[in-house]
Amino acid sequence: MASHSSEDACQDSAALSLSDLESLHHVRSRSASFSSAGSSGRLQLRQRVAQLMACVEDISSDDEINEEVSRTLDEAFLIWGKKLKDKWQEFRLHLVTWNVGTASPPPDVSSLLQLDSLGTTMDMYVIGLQEVNSKITNFLSDLAFDDPWSIFLMTVLSPLGYIKLSSVRMQGLLLLIFVKHVHLPFIRDLHTQFTRTGLYGYWGNKGGVTIRMSLYGHTVCFMNCHLPAHMENTEQRLDDFEKILEMQFEGENIPSALEHDVLFWFGDLNFRIADYGIHFVRESINNKRYNLLWEKDQLNMAKKKEAFLQEFIEGPLHFKPTYKFDLYSDVYDTSEKKRKPAWTDRILWRVKNLCQHAPKGGEFSEEQQTISVTLNNYVSHMSYGISDHKPVTGTFGLELKPLVSEPLVTLSPEGEWSAEHDVLINYSAVPEFPSSAWDWIGLFKVTFKHVNDYVTYSWVEDDEISSNKDGKQVYMSAAEIPDVGGEFLLCYYSNNLQSVVGISQPFQIQPNRTLIGKELPQEENSWMQRSDNLESHDEF
């Protein structure tokens, strides 16, 4: 009887072909208005696949049809894989949290930022620091100029094609975000916020600083916190974090922290290891039996009791507790206090859709399944000893379906540029772009550090020389272009959106040959010679 059913199924599915399997994609990619038809189509396709599975039971390995079916399925999987690749992309994120104990930056951060890794480069760096030197003289200086940590990290990352996207500081708390140039037009709605919790909310030695954004249409929030210290202050830590969550962007036309598609929470959270004595804790660490300590970690304990924490995810603590060490060593506190080691420095995240109940049928719609977070690496870095904390990093893959795939503004240099004559910029904007008379187009070196690190700029309205339905042209004076030439790019900055909404491909500006070696300032002349030497070296 079973054999007869299989034969019937095979006959019913004789028409199953590559086109049937391709229809899987078409069914899934329909808009919401066709959701009921899509559900029916999926049901029919599942029935056909079930029939095919019944046929497979009766196909022998040496049967000619076996090879044909295998080949057809292989082609179908290739098509489906290509469609998935076209629709989704992986955004690589490296997140750092480090209580630097008022210290200056170390000589090298290559291993901390995985710059010496042979793997795929990061798309974004998120760096959260606590206890940055905030003595009054240092803090006032940092208000007028960039702080030493920001300058140091920009110096490290800008030659690699990263720009400082945003930063926010509250006394010793500092949050910095660096991103590859190519992503700039797809990062919008940038906002920063800080919340004081020290001295009943009047002092910023403790609290949280936040940067939120729309990343390819998905709302993402990064929250760097420094919570109260000491073993007995667990409840105070939880109260302060809840307060920070509630107060971020309060009263602004911005989603609350918990309403973002993805929320990253990290910092010196100061949770300790309860109950166990210092000797048991140190012995467990020496034997690398960290799992013996997990159940008494105050944050792990709180996650089991506090509903708002249960939605946060953390990777396994397969590394030594990161506090408290003697400076420039991997030896735990040998002072009179002999602090008990603890995992004070943590990185957690929360994906909004995972915190909601799945709809009937147990499946999220395609619209809901547009972003996911995968933790690839969660480690501490024992080689850094400038403070009594070891830095912790988390490397993530954000699998996302871009909801924004086209820049608001497309721009490019007109023809070949030379420092010897005036030049033109072509640009066009999408119809819905909210342009402003205060918008400008900046000329940047390819290694620019932040949006204000331009060489020169043109106002899009004041310097406009032509306009038609296909686009506009803006003028830039040769007097503003560096005589030495070099590699540059153009960025369109929107005043209304307070962000870069368009960026050109890198291009060359030919130097002013009439001035080379004559009137160039000594610094520019030596730079030109170095550039020529590099070009000569590249030829070999």
Foldseek 3Di string as FASTA:
>chain_A
DLVVVLVVLCVVLVVDFLVLLLCLVVLQPDDPVCVVVSVVSVVVSVSSVVSVVSNVVVDDPPHPVNVVVVVRVVVSVVSVVVVLPVQKDKAKEKEKAEALQQDADDPDCCVVLVVVPPDDHHFKYKYKYAQHPQDPVQVVVCVVPPHRVLVVVLVVCLVVQWAFFDWDDFRRIIITMIGHPVQFQQKFDWDKDWWAPPPNGPHRNWTKIKIWIQGLNFTEMEIEGDADADAVCLVRLVVRVVVNQQPVCPPHPDDGQLPGQKYKYWYQSHFFQPDDDQVVQVVCVVVQVCVVRQVRGSLSVVCVPDVVNVQKDFDDPSEWQFDFPDFQALHHDPDPVRDRGGNRTGMIMGGNLVPDQDDPPRDDRPVSPFKDKDWDDWYWDSRHGSHRGTMIMTMMIIIGRRPHDDFQKEKDWDDAAALVWKTKMKMDGDPVDPADQAKKKFKDASSAHYPPSGLDIFRCPVQWDDDDPVTTMGIDGSVSDDQLKAKIKMFIAGPVRRGTRYIYDIDTYHHNVVPAPNPDDPVSNVVSVVVVVVVVVVVD
